[in-house]
């Protein structure tokens, strides 16, 4: 069983958590200006790197708080966990995918 470190509750079994997708994806500056294709890219297109990846997790069976984790997608090892809205020291979030190609 994988143990995940909740920033507030400490180490707990993976079964207590739910995955929330890629972390550090900014909301569009002007959402009303996006067409359907741009919205589809914002909602559905995410990175799928081999290696370190910033993710969102929620402790559903515990404190129910959201947090971010830096996880290696090859080994599944959690390298860092940190509260939502922050980044771990020494880590720079990679730029999210562009919402749509320019027309």
PDB file of N, CA and C in Angstrom:
ATOM      1  N   UNK A   1       0.850  -1.185   0.000  1.00  0.00           N
ATOM      2  CA  UNK A   1       0.000   0.000   0.000  1.00  0.00           C
ATOM      3  C   UNK A   1       0.888   1.237   0.000  1.00  0.00           C
ATOM      4  N   UNK A   2       0.610   2.151  -0.892  1.00  0.00           N
ATOM      5  CA  UNK A   2       1.328   3.429  -0.983  1.00  0.00           C
ATOM      6  C   UNK A   2       0.886   4.339   0.157  1.00  0.00           C
ATOM      7  N   UNK A   3       1.839   4.997   0.795  1.00  0.00           N
ATOM      8  CA  UNK A   3       1.526   5.994   1.818  1.00  0.00           C
ATOM      9  C   UNK A   3       1.735   7.369   1.221  1.00  0.00           C
ATOM     10  N   UNK A   4       0.772   8.254   1.467  1.00  0.00           N
ATOM     11  CA  UNK A   4       0.843   9.631   0.991  1.00  0.00           C
ATOM     12  C   UNK A   4       0.864  10.537   2.213  1.00  0.00           C
ATOM     13  N   UNK A   5       1.712  11.539   2.166  1.00  0.00           N
ATOM     14  CA  UNK A   5       1.856  12.486   3.272  1.00  0.00           C
ATOM     15  C   UNK A   5       0.875  13.639   3.083  1.00  0.00           C
ATOM     16  N   UNK A   6      -0.163  13.706   3.913  1.00  0.00           N
ATOM     17  CA  UNK A   6      -1.076  14.847   3.907  1.00  0.00           C
ATOM     18  C   UNK A   6      -0.379  15.973   4.673  1.00  0.00           C
ATOM     19  N   UNK A   7      -0.349  17.201   4.136  1.00  0.00           N
ATOM     20  CA  UNK A   7       0.318  18.299   4.849  1.00  0.00           C
ATOM     21  C   UNK A   7      -0.282  18.575   6.228  1.00  0.00           C
ATOM     22  N   UNK A   8      -1.539  18.183   6.459  1.00  0.00           N
ATOM     23  CA  UNK A   8      -2.198  18.483   7.730  1.00  0.00           C
ATOM     24  C   UNK A   8      -2.355  17.253   8.631  1.00  0.00           C
ATOM     25  N   UNK A   9      -2.533  16.071   8.049  1.00  0.00           N
ATOM     26  CA  UNK A   9      -2.820  14.866   8.835  1.00  0.00           C
ATOM     27  C   UNK A   9      -1.637  13.909   8.954  1.00  0.00           C
ATOM     28  N   UNK A  10      -0.605  14.098   8.151  1.00  0.00           N
ATOM     29  CA  UNK A  10       0.525  13.187   8.161  1.00  0.00           C
ATOM     30  C   UNK A  10       0.333  12.038   7.184  1.00  0.00           C
ATOM     31  N   UNK A  11       1.128  10.981   7.339  1.00  0.00           N
ATOM     32  CA  UNK A  11       1.095   9.838   6.417  1.00  0.00           C
ATOM     33  C   UNK A  11      -0.176   9.029   6.587  1.00  0.00           C
ATOM     34  N   UNK A  12      -0.804   8.754   5.449  1.00  0.00           N
ATOM     35  CA  UNK A  12      -2.016   7.937   5.428  1.00  0.00           C
ATOM     36  C   UNK A  12      -1.963   7.028   4.203  1.00  0.00           C
ATOM     37  N   UNK A  13      -2.788   5.995   4.206  1.00  0.00           N
ATOM     38  CA  UNK A  13      -2.845   5.079   3.073  1.00  0.00           C
ATOM     39  C   UNK A  13      -3.463   5.758   1.854  1.00  0.00           C
ATOM     40  N   UNK A  14      -3.020   5.356   0.687  1.00  0.00           N
ATOM     41  CA  UNK A  14      -3.462   5.946  -0.575  1.00  0.00           C
ATOM     42  C   UNK A  14      -4.975   5.891  -0.756  1.00  0.00           C
ATOM     43  N   UNK A  15      -5.617   4.893  -0.217  1.00  0.00           N
ATOM     44  CA  UNK A  15      -7.064   4.707  -0.366  1.00  0.00           C
ATOM     45  C   UNK A  15      -7.851   5.896   0.199  1.00  0.00           C
ATOM     46  N   UNK A  16      -7.252   6.671   1.094  1.00  0.00           N
ATOM     47  CA  UNK A  16      -7.918   7.833   1.698  1.00  0.00           C
ATOM     48  C   UNK A  16      -7.910   9.060   0.802  1.00  0.00           C
ATOM     49  N   UNK A  17      -7.191   9.016  -0.322  1.00  0.00           N
ATOM     50  CA  UNK A  17      -7.003  10.193  -1.165  1.00  0.00           C
ATOM     51  C   UNK A  17      -7.661  10.028  -2.530  1.00  0.00           C
ATOM     52  N   UNK A  18      -7.947  11.149  -3.168  1.00  0.00           N
ATOM     53  CA  UNK A  18      -8.456  11.158  -4.540  1.00  0.00           C
ATOM     54  C   UNK A  18      -7.586  12.090  -5.372  1.00  0.00           C
ATOM     55  N   UNK A  19      -7.306  11.656  -6.576  1.00  0.00           N
ATOM     56  CA  UNK A  19      -6.496  12.421  -7.515  1.00  0.00           C
ATOM     57  C   UNK A  19      -7.321  13.550  -8.113  1.00  0.00           C
ATOM     58  N   UNK A  20      -6.721  14.722  -8.278  1.00  0.00           N
ATOM     59  CA  UNK A  20      -7.455  15.867  -8.795  1.00  0.00           C
ATOM     60  C   UNK A  20      -6.910  16.461 -10.068  1.00  0.00           C
ATOM     61  N   UNK A  21      -5.949  15.811 -10.699  1.00  0.00           N
ATOM     62  CA  UNK A  21      -5.429  16.310 -11.967  1.00  0.00           C
ATOM     63  C   UNK A  21      -4.171  17.138 -11.809  1.00  0.00           C
ATOM     64  N   UNK A  22      -3.778  17.757 -12.899  1.00  0.00           N
ATOM     65  CA  UNK A  22      -2.555  18.555 -12.946  1.00  0.00           C
ATOM     66  C   UNK A  22      -2.678  19.800 -12.073  1.00  0.00           C
ATOM     67  N   UNK A  23      -1.624  20.114 -11.366  1.00  0.00           N
ATOM     68  CA  UNK A  23      -1.597  21.318 -10.516  1.00  0.00           C
ATOM     69  C   UNK A  23      -1.059  22.509 -11.312  1.00  0.00           C
ATOM     70  N   UNK A  24      -1.284  23.680 -10.795  1.00  0.00           N
ATOM     71  CA  UNK A  24      -0.742  24.933 -11.339  1.00  0.00           C
ATOM     72  C   UNK A  24      -1.268  25.252 -12.737  1.00  0.00           C
ATOM     73  N   UNK A  25      -2.513  24.923 -13.020  1.00  0.00           N
ATOM     74  CA  UNK A  25      -3.128  25.259 -14.301  1.00  0.00           C
ATOM     75  C   UNK A  25      -3.932  26.538 -14.078  1.00  0.00           C
ATOM     76  N   UNK A  26      -3.489  27.664 -14.625  1.00  0.00           N
ATOM     77  CA  UNK A  26      -4.175  28.934 -14.369  1.00  0.00           C
ATOM     78  C   UNK A  26      -5.501  29.039 -15.116  1.00  0.00           C
ATOM     79  N   UNK A  27      -6.459  29.657 -14.460  1.00  0.00           N
ATOM     80  CA  UNK A  27      -7.747  29.945 -15.095  1.00  0.00           C
ATOM     81  C   UNK A  27      -7.507  30.988 -16.184  1.00  0.00           C
ATOM     82  N   UNK A  28      -8.191  30.906 -17.321  1.00  0.00           N
ATOM     83  CA  UNK A  28      -7.979  31.877 -18.405  1.00  0.00           C
ATOM     84  C   UNK A  28      -8.224  33.317 -17.941  1.00  0.00           C
ATOM     85  N   UNK A  29      -7.390  34.233 -18.427  1.00  0.00           N
ATOM     86  CA  UNK A  29      -7.520  35.640 -18.057  1.00  0.00           C
ATOM     87  C   UNK A  29      -8.860  36.220 -18.488  1.00  0.00           C
ATOM     88  N   UNK A  30      -9.298  35.894 -19.687  1.00  0.00           N
ATOM     89  CA  UNK A  30     -10.562  36.408 -20.211  1.00  0.00           C
ATOM     90  C   UNK A  30     -11.391  35.230 -20.724  1.00  0.00           C
ATOM     91  N   UNK A  31     -12.091  34.517 -19.830  1.00  0.00           N
ATOM     92  CA  UNK A  31     -12.810  33.319 -20.256  1.00  0.00           C
ATOM     93  C   UNK A  31     -13.889  33.575 -21.291  1.00  0.00           C
ATOM     94  N   UNK A  32     -14.477  34.753 -21.285  1.00  0.00           N
ATOM     95  CA  UNK A  32     -15.539  35.038 -22.252  1.00  0.00           C
ATOM     96  C   UNK A  32     -14.993  35.167 -23.672  1.00  0.00           C
ATOM     97  N   UNK A  33     -13.698  35.355 -23.812  1.00  0.00           N
ATOM     98  CA  UNK A  33     -13.092  35.487 -25.139  1.00  0.00           C
ATOM     99  C   UNK A  33     -12.717  34.137 -25.750  1.00  0.00           C
ATOM    100  N   UNK A  34     -12.822  33.062 -24.985  1.00  0.00           N
ATOM    101  CA  UNK A  34     -12.444  31.741 -25.505  1.00  0.00           C
ATOM    102  C   UNK A  34     -13.563  31.122 -26.325  1.00  0.00           C
ATOM    103  N   UNK A  35     -13.175  30.512 -27.440  1.00  0.00           N
ATOM    104  CA  UNK A  35     -14.165  29.779 -28.220  1.00  0.00           C
ATOM    105  C   UNK A  35     -14.229  28.338 -27.699  1.00  0.00           C
ATOM    106  N   UNK A  36     -15.070  27.512 -28.302  1.00  0.00           N
ATOM    107  CA  UNK A  36     -15.244  26.135 -27.830  1.00  0.00           C
ATOM    108  C   UNK A  36     -13.948  25.323 -27.879  1.00  0.00           C
ATOM    109  N   UNK A  37     -13.156  25.534 -28.905  1.00  0.00           N
ATOM    110  CA  UNK A  37     -11.899  24.806 -29.019  1.00  0.00           C
ATOM    111  C   UNK A  37     -10.941  25.193 -27.900  1.00  0.00           C
ATOM    112  N   UNK A  38     -10.856  26.473 -27.619  1.00  0.00           N
ATOM    113  CA  UNK A  38      -9.978  26.948 -26.542  1.00  0.00           C
ATOM    114  C   UNK A  38     -10.446  26.410 -25.193  1.00  0.00           C
ATOM    115  N   UNK A  39     -11.768  26.391 -24.957  1.00  0.00           N
ATOM    116  CA  UNK A  39     -12.291  25.833 -23.700  1.00  0.00           C
ATOM    117  C   UNK A  39     -11.978  24.349 -23.589  1.00  0.00           C
ATOM    118  N   UNK A  40     -12.118  23.631 -24.683  1.00  0.00           N
ATOM    119  CA  UNK A  40     -11.813  22.196 -24.678  1.00  0.00           C
ATOM    120  C   UNK A  40     -10.351  21.963 -24.320  1.00  0.00           C
ATOM    121  N   UNK A  41      -9.467  22.772 -24.871  1.00  0.00           N
ATOM    122  CA  UNK A  41      -8.050  22.645 -24.543  1.00  0.00           C
ATOM    123  C   UNK A  41      -7.802  22.965 -23.075  1.00  0.00           C
ATOM    124  N   UNK A  42      -8.454  23.984 -22.553  1.00  0.00           N
ATOM    125  CA  UNK A  42      -8.271  24.339 -21.140  1.00  0.00           C
ATOM    126  C   UNK A  42      -8.784  23.227 -20.214  1.00  0.00           C
ATOM    127  N   UNK A  43      -9.929  22.675 -20.520  1.00  0.00           N
ATOM    128  CA  UNK A  43     -10.555  21.689 -19.639  1.00  0.00           C
ATOM    129  C   UNK A  43      -9.910  20.305 -19.761  1.00  0.00           C
ATOM    130  N   UNK A  44      -9.615  19.859 -20.977  1.00  0.00           N
ATOM    131  CA  UNK A  44      -9.244  18.472 -21.177  1.00  0.00           C
ATOM    132  C   UNK A  44      -7.765  18.204 -21.470  1.00  0.00           C
ATOM    133  N   UNK A  45      -7.030  19.152 -21.990  1.00  0.00           N
ATOM    134  CA  UNK A  45      -5.656  18.896 -22.399  1.00  0.00           C
ATOM    135  C   UNK A  45      -4.702  19.159 -21.243  1.00  0.00           C
ATOM    136  N   UNK A  46      -3.985  18.136 -20.845  1.00  0.00           N
ATOM    137  CA  UNK A  46      -3.028  18.246 -19.751  1.00  0.00           C
ATOM    138  C   UNK A  46      -1.747  17.539 -20.143  1.00  0.00           C
ATOM    139  N   UNK A  47      -0.689  17.900 -19.454  1.00  0.00           N
ATOM    140  CA  UNK A  47       0.595  17.254 -19.684  1.00  0.00           C
ATOM    141  C   UNK A  47       0.550  15.813 -19.210  1.00  0.00           C
ATOM    142  N   UNK A  48       1.382  14.998 -19.784  1.00  0.00           N
ATOM    143  CA  UNK A  48       1.492  13.611 -19.370  1.00  0.00           C
ATOM    144  C   UNK A  48       2.971  13.226 -19.441  1.00  0.00           C
ATOM    145  N   UNK A  49       3.787  13.896 -18.611  1.00  0.00           N
ATOM    146  CA  UNK A  49       5.231  13.687 -18.730  1.00  0.00           C
ATOM    147  C   UNK A  49       5.693  12.372 -18.113  1.00  0.00           C
ATOM    148  N   UNK A  50       6.830  11.955 -18.540  1.00  0.00           N
ATOM    149  CA  UNK A  50       7.509  10.817 -17.919  1.00  0.00           C
ATOM    150  C   UNK A  50       8.512  11.439 -16.956  1.00  0.00           C
ATOM    151  N   UNK A  51       8.260  11.303 -15.667  1.00  0.00           N
ATOM    152  CA  UNK A  51       9.130  11.922 -14.673  1.00  0.00           C
ATOM    153  C   UNK A  51       8.328  12.747 -13.682  1.00  0.00           C
ATOM    154  N   UNK A  52       8.930  13.803 -13.161  1.00  0.00           N
ATOM    155  CA  UNK A  52       8.268  14.626 -12.148  1.00  0.00           C
ATOM    156  C   UNK A  52       7.062  15.368 -12.719  1.00  0.00           C
ATOM    157  N   UNK A  53       5.988  15.388 -11.935  1.00  0.00           N
ATOM    158  CA  UNK A  53       4.739  16.006 -12.378  1.00  0.00           C
ATOM    159  C   UNK A  53       4.029  16.594 -11.164  1.00  0.00           C
ATOM    160  N   UNK A  54       3.578  17.841 -11.272  1.00  0.00           N
ATOM    161  CA  UNK A  54       2.847  18.497 -10.186  1.00  0.00           C
ATOM    162  C   UNK A  54       1.366  18.148 -10.303  1.00  0.00           C
ATOM    163  N   UNK A  55       0.798  17.607  -9.217  1.00  0.00           N
ATOM    164  CA  UNK A  55      -0.585  17.131  -9.227  1.00  0.00           C
ATOM    165  C   UNK A  55      -1.370  17.698  -8.048  1.00  0.00           C
ATOM    166  N   UNK A  56      -2.702  17.662  -8.195  1.00  0.00           N
ATOM    167  CA  UNK A  56      -3.604  18.042  -7.104  1.00  0.00           C
ATOM    168  C   UNK A  56      -4.168  16.766  -6.489  1.00  0.00           C
ATOM    169  N   UNK A  57      -4.264  16.757  -5.160  1.00  0.00           N
ATOM    170  CA  UNK A  57      -4.837  15.628  -4.438  1.00  0.00           C
ATOM    171  C   UNK A  57      -5.743  16.175  -3.343  1.00  0.00           C
ATOM    172  N   UNK A  58      -6.726  15.366  -2.937  1.00  0.00           N
ATOM    173  CA  UNK A  58      -7.603  15.738  -1.826  1.00  0.00           C
ATOM    174  C   UNK A  58      -7.643  14.564  -0.848  1.00  0.00           C
ATOM    175  N   UNK A  59      -7.601  14.880   0.419  1.00  0.00           N
ATOM    176  CA  UNK A  59      -7.658  13.852   1.465  1.00  0.00           C
ATOM    177  C   UNK A  59      -9.135  13.597   1.770  1.00  0.00           C
ATOM    178  N   UNK A  60      -9.787  12.799   0.941  1.00  0.00           N
ATOM    179  CA  UNK A  60     -11.243  12.601   1.004  1.00  0.00           C
ATOM    180  C   UNK A  60     -11.702  11.875   2.254  1.00  0.00           C
ATOM    181  N   UNK A  61     -10.915  10.961   2.776  1.00  0.00           N
ATOM    182  CA  UNK A  61     -11.327  10.201   3.967  1.00  0.00           C
ATOM    183  C   UNK A  61     -10.725  10.775   5.246  1.00  0.00           C
ATOM    184  N   UNK A  62     -10.146  11.957   5.145  1.00  0.00           N
ATOM    185  CA  UNK A  62      -9.527  12.581   6.306  1.00  0.00           C
ATOM    186  C   UNK A  62     -10.011  14.009   6.470  1.00  0.00           C
ATOM    187  N   UNK A  63      -9.093  14.945   6.335  1.00  0.00           N
ATOM    188  CA  UNK A  63      -9.409  16.359   6.572  1.00  0.00           C
ATOM    189  C   UNK A  63     -10.173  17.009   5.421  1.00  0.00           C
ATOM    190  N   UNK A  64     -10.263  16.329   4.268  1.00  0.00           N
ATOM    191  CA  UNK A  64     -10.972  16.820   3.076  1.00  0.00           C
ATOM    192  C   UNK A  64     -10.355  18.102   2.496  1.00  0.00           C
ATOM    193  N   UNK A  65      -9.092  18.306   2.726  1.00  0.00           N
ATOM    194  CA  UNK A  65      -8.411  19.494   2.215  1.00  0.00           C
ATOM    195  C   UNK A  65      -7.605  19.129   0.975  1.00  0.00           C
ATOM    196  N   UNK A  66      -7.533  20.085   0.054  1.00  0.00           N
ATOM    197  CA  UNK A  66      -6.773  19.917  -1.173  1.00  0.00           C
ATOM    198  C   UNK A  66      -5.324  20.296  -0.927  1.00  0.00           C
ATOM    199  N   UNK A  67      -4.427  19.610  -1.617  1.00  0.00           N
ATOM    200  CA  UNK A  67      -3.009  19.949  -1.571  1.00  0.00           C
ATOM    201  C   UNK A  67      -2.379  19.538  -2.889  1.00  0.00           C
ATOM    202  N   UNK A  68      -1.160  19.979  -3.100  1.00  0.00           N
ATOM    203  CA  UNK A  68      -0.422  19.628  -4.306  1.00  0.00           C
ATOM    204  C   UNK A  68       0.674  18.644  -3.956  1.00  0.00           C
ATOM    205  N   UNK A  69       1.045  17.856  -4.931  1.00  0.00           N
ATOM    206  CA  UNK A  69       2.132  16.895  -4.753  1.00  0.00           C
ATOM    207  C   UNK A  69       2.998  16.893  -5.998  1.00  0.00           C
ATOM    208  N   UNK A  70       4.268  16.708  -5.779  1.00  0.00           N
ATOM    209  CA  UNK A  70       5.214  16.525  -6.868  1.00  0.00           C
ATOM    210  C   UNK A  70       5.541  15.033  -6.883  1.00  0.00           C
ATOM    211  N   UNK A  71       5.094  14.344  -7.951  1.00  0.00           N
ATOM    212  CA  UNK A  71       5.201  12.892  -8.013  1.00  0.00           C
ATOM    213  C   UNK A  71       5.931  12.462  -9.274  1.00  0.00           C
ATOM    214  N   UNK A  72       6.746  11.450  -9.150  1.00  0.00           N
ATOM    215  CA  UNK A  72       7.441  10.877 -10.292  1.00  0.00           C
ATOM    216  C   UNK A  72       6.499   9.863 -10.946  1.00  0.00           C
ATOM    217  N   UNK A  73       6.129  10.097 -12.191  1.00  0.00           N
ATOM    218  CA  UNK A  73       5.160   9.227 -12.866  1.00  0.00           C
ATOM    219  C   UNK A  73       5.759   7.887 -13.282  1.00  0.00           C
ATOM    220  N   UNK A  74       7.062   7.748 -13.232  1.00  0.00           N
ATOM    221  CA  UNK A  74       7.696   6.477 -13.565  1.00  0.00           C
ATOM    222  C   UNK A  74       7.704   5.554 -12.349  1.00  0.00           C
ATOM    223  N   UNK A  75       8.123   6.090 -11.213  1.00  0.00           N
ATOM    224  CA  UNK A  75       8.249   5.275  -9.994  1.00  0.00           C
ATOM    225  C   UNK A  75       7.043   5.385  -9.074  1.00  0.00           C
ATOM    226  N   UNK A  76       6.167   6.349  -9.333  1.00  0.00           N
ATOM    227  CA  UNK A  76       4.996   6.652  -8.509  1.00  0.00           C
ATOM    228  C   UNK A  76       5.386   7.236  -7.147  1.00  0.00           C
ATOM    229  N   UNK A  77       6.641   7.545  -6.960  1.00  0.00           N
ATOM    230  CA  UNK A  77       7.127   8.092  -5.691  1.00  0.00           C
ATOM    231  C   UNK A  77       6.758   9.570  -5.550  1.00  0.00           C
ATOM    232  N   UNK A  78       6.252   9.920  -4.371  1.00  0.00           N
ATOM    233  CA  UNK A  78       5.937  11.310  -4.060  1.00  0.00           C
ATOM    234  C   UNK A  78       7.211  11.987  -3.579  1.00  0.00           C
ATOM    235  N   UNK A  79       7.662  13.013  -4.300  1.00  0.00           N
ATOM    236  CA  UNK A  79       8.891  13.722  -3.953  1.00  0.00           C
ATOM    237  C   UNK A  79       8.627  14.853  -2.970  1.00  0.00           C
ATOM    238  N   UNK A  80       7.433  15.455  -3.057  1.00  0.00           N
ATOM    239  CA  UNK A  80       7.085  16.562  -2.158  1.00  0.00           C
ATOM    240  C   UNK A  80       5.576  16.718  -2.121  1.00  0.00           C
ATOM    241  N   UNK A  81       5.051  17.149  -0.986  1.00  0.00           N
ATOM    242  CA  UNK A  81       3.648  17.557  -0.863  1.00  0.00           C
ATOM    243  C   UNK A  81       3.650  18.944  -0.247  1.00  0.00           C
ATOM    244  N   UNK A  82       2.693  19.769  -0.654  1.00  0.00           N
ATOM    245  CA  UNK A  82       2.659  21.142  -0.189  1.00  0.00           C
ATOM    246  C   UNK A  82       1.244  21.697  -0.329  1.00  0.00           C
ATOM    247  N   UNK A  83       0.871  22.670   0.492  1.00  0.00           N
ATOM    248  CA  UNK A  83      -0.488  23.226   0.430  1.00  0.00           C
ATOM    249  C   UNK A  83      -0.792  23.831  -0.945  1.00  0.00           C
ATOM    250  N   UNK A  84      -2.044  23.756  -1.346  1.00  0.00           N
ATOM    251  CA  UNK A  84      -2.474  24.369  -2.605  1.00  0.00           C
ATOM    252  C   UNK A  84      -2.179  25.864  -2.564  1.00  0.00           C
ATOM    253  N   UNK A  85      -1.800  26.409  -3.698  1.00  0.00           N
ATOM    254  CA  UNK A  85      -1.491  27.831  -3.780  1.00  0.00           C
ATOM    255  C   UNK A  85      -0.028  28.151  -3.524  1.00  0.00           C
ATOM    256  N   UNK A  86       0.772  27.127  -3.283  1.00  0.00           N
ATOM    257  CA  UNK A  86       2.199  27.346  -3.069  1.00  0.00           C
ATOM    258  C   UNK A  86       2.980  26.359  -3.919  1.00  0.00           C
ATOM    259  N   UNK A  87       4.293  26.500  -3.922  1.00  0.00           N
ATOM    260  CA  UNK A  87       5.162  25.550  -4.610  1.00  0.00           C
ATOM    261  C   UNK A  87       6.257  25.124  -3.642  1.00  0.00           C
ATOM    262  N   UNK A  88       6.749  23.909  -3.780  1.00  0.00           N
ATOM    263  CA  UNK A  88       7.826  23.490  -2.897  1.00  0.00           C
ATOM    264  C   UNK A  88       9.109  24.242  -3.238  1.00  0.00           C
ATOM    265  N   UNK A  89       9.978  24.422  -2.266  1.00  0.00           N
ATOM    266  CA  UNK A  89      11.213  25.156  -2.511  1.00  0.00           C
ATOM    267  C   UNK A  89      12.054  24.426  -3.552  1.00  0.00           C
ATOM    268  N   UNK A  90      12.631  25.198  -4.452  1.00  0.00           N
ATOM    269  CA  UNK A  90      13.469  24.626  -5.494  1.00  0.00           C
ATOM    270  C   UNK A  90      12.711  24.070  -6.681  1.00  0.00           C
ATOM    271  N   UNK A  91      11.387  24.226  -6.703  1.00  0.00           N
ATOM    272  CA  UNK A  91      10.583  23.699  -7.801  1.00  0.00           C
ATOM    273  C   UNK A  91       9.937  24.835  -8.558  1.00  0.00           C
ATOM    274  N   UNK A  92      10.035  24.805  -9.879  1.00  0.00           N
ATOM    275  CA  UNK A  92       9.357  25.765 -10.733  1.00  0.00           C
ATOM    276  C   UNK A  92       8.341  24.993 -11.553  1.00  0.00           C
ATOM    277  N   UNK A  93       7.069  25.341 -11.418  1.00  0.00           N
ATOM    278  CA  UNK A  93       6.030  24.654 -12.178  1.00  0.00           C
ATOM    279  C   UNK A  93       6.254  24.877 -13.664  1.00  0.00           C
ATOM    280  N   UNK A  94       6.111  23.822 -14.442  1.00  0.00           N
ATOM    281  CA  UNK A  94       6.252  23.955 -15.881  1.00  0.00           C
ATOM    282  C   UNK A  94       5.026  24.675 -16.428  1.00  0.00           C
ATOM    283  N   UNK A  95       5.203  25.364 -17.522  1.00  0.00           N
ATOM    284  CA  UNK A  95       4.094  26.089 -18.117  1.00  0.00           C
ATOM    285  C   UNK A  95       3.035  25.108 -18.593  1.00  0.00           C
ATOM    286  N   UNK A  96       1.747  25.393 -18.324  1.00  0.00           N
ATOM    287  CA  UNK A  96       0.691  24.506 -18.810  1.00  0.00           C
ATOM    288  C   UNK A  96       0.591  24.564 -20.328  1.00  0.00           C
ATOM    289  N   UNK A  97      -0.065  23.575 -20.880  1.00  0.00           N
ATOM    290  CA  UNK A  97      -0.271  23.573 -22.326  1.00  0.00           C
ATOM    291  C   UNK A  97      -1.042  24.801 -22.754  1.00  0.00           C
ATOM    292  N   UNK A  98      -0.748  25.263 -23.928  1.00  0.00           N
ATOM    293  CA  UNK A  98      -1.497  26.410 -24.435  1.00  0.00           C
ATOM    294  C   UNK A  98      -2.937  25.998 -24.648  1.00  0.00           C
ATOM    295  N   UNK A  99      -3.863  26.927 -24.397  1.00  0.00           N
ATOM    296  CA  UNK A  99      -5.275  26.581 -24.441  1.00  0.00           C
ATOM    297  C   UNK A  99      -5.777  26.308 -25.854  1.00  0.00           C
ATOM    298  N   UNK A 100      -5.192  26.927 -26.843  1.00  0.00           N
ATOM    299  CA  UNK A 100      -5.620  26.679 -28.218  1.00  0.00           C
ATOM    300  C   UNK A 100      -4.582  27.238 -29.175  1.00  0.00           C
ATOM    301  N   UNK A 101      -4.463  26.648 -30.321  1.00  0.00           N
ATOM    302  CA  UNK A 101      -3.551  27.215 -31.305  1.00  0.00           C
ATOM    303  C   UNK A 101      -4.068  28.569 -31.801  1.00  0.00           C
ATOM    304  N   UNK A 102      -3.145  29.463 -32.134  1.00  0.00           N
ATOM    305  CA  UNK A 102      -3.542  30.787 -32.642  1.00  0.00           C
ATOM    306  C   UNK A 102      -4.207  30.643 -34.000  1.00  0.00           C
ATOM    307  N   UNK A 103      -5.204  31.462 -34.222  1.00  0.00           N
ATOM    308  CA  UNK A 103      -5.913  31.440 -35.516  1.00  0.00           C
ATOM    309  C   UNK A 103      -5.691  32.724 -36.246  1.00  0.00           C
TER     310      UNK A 103
END
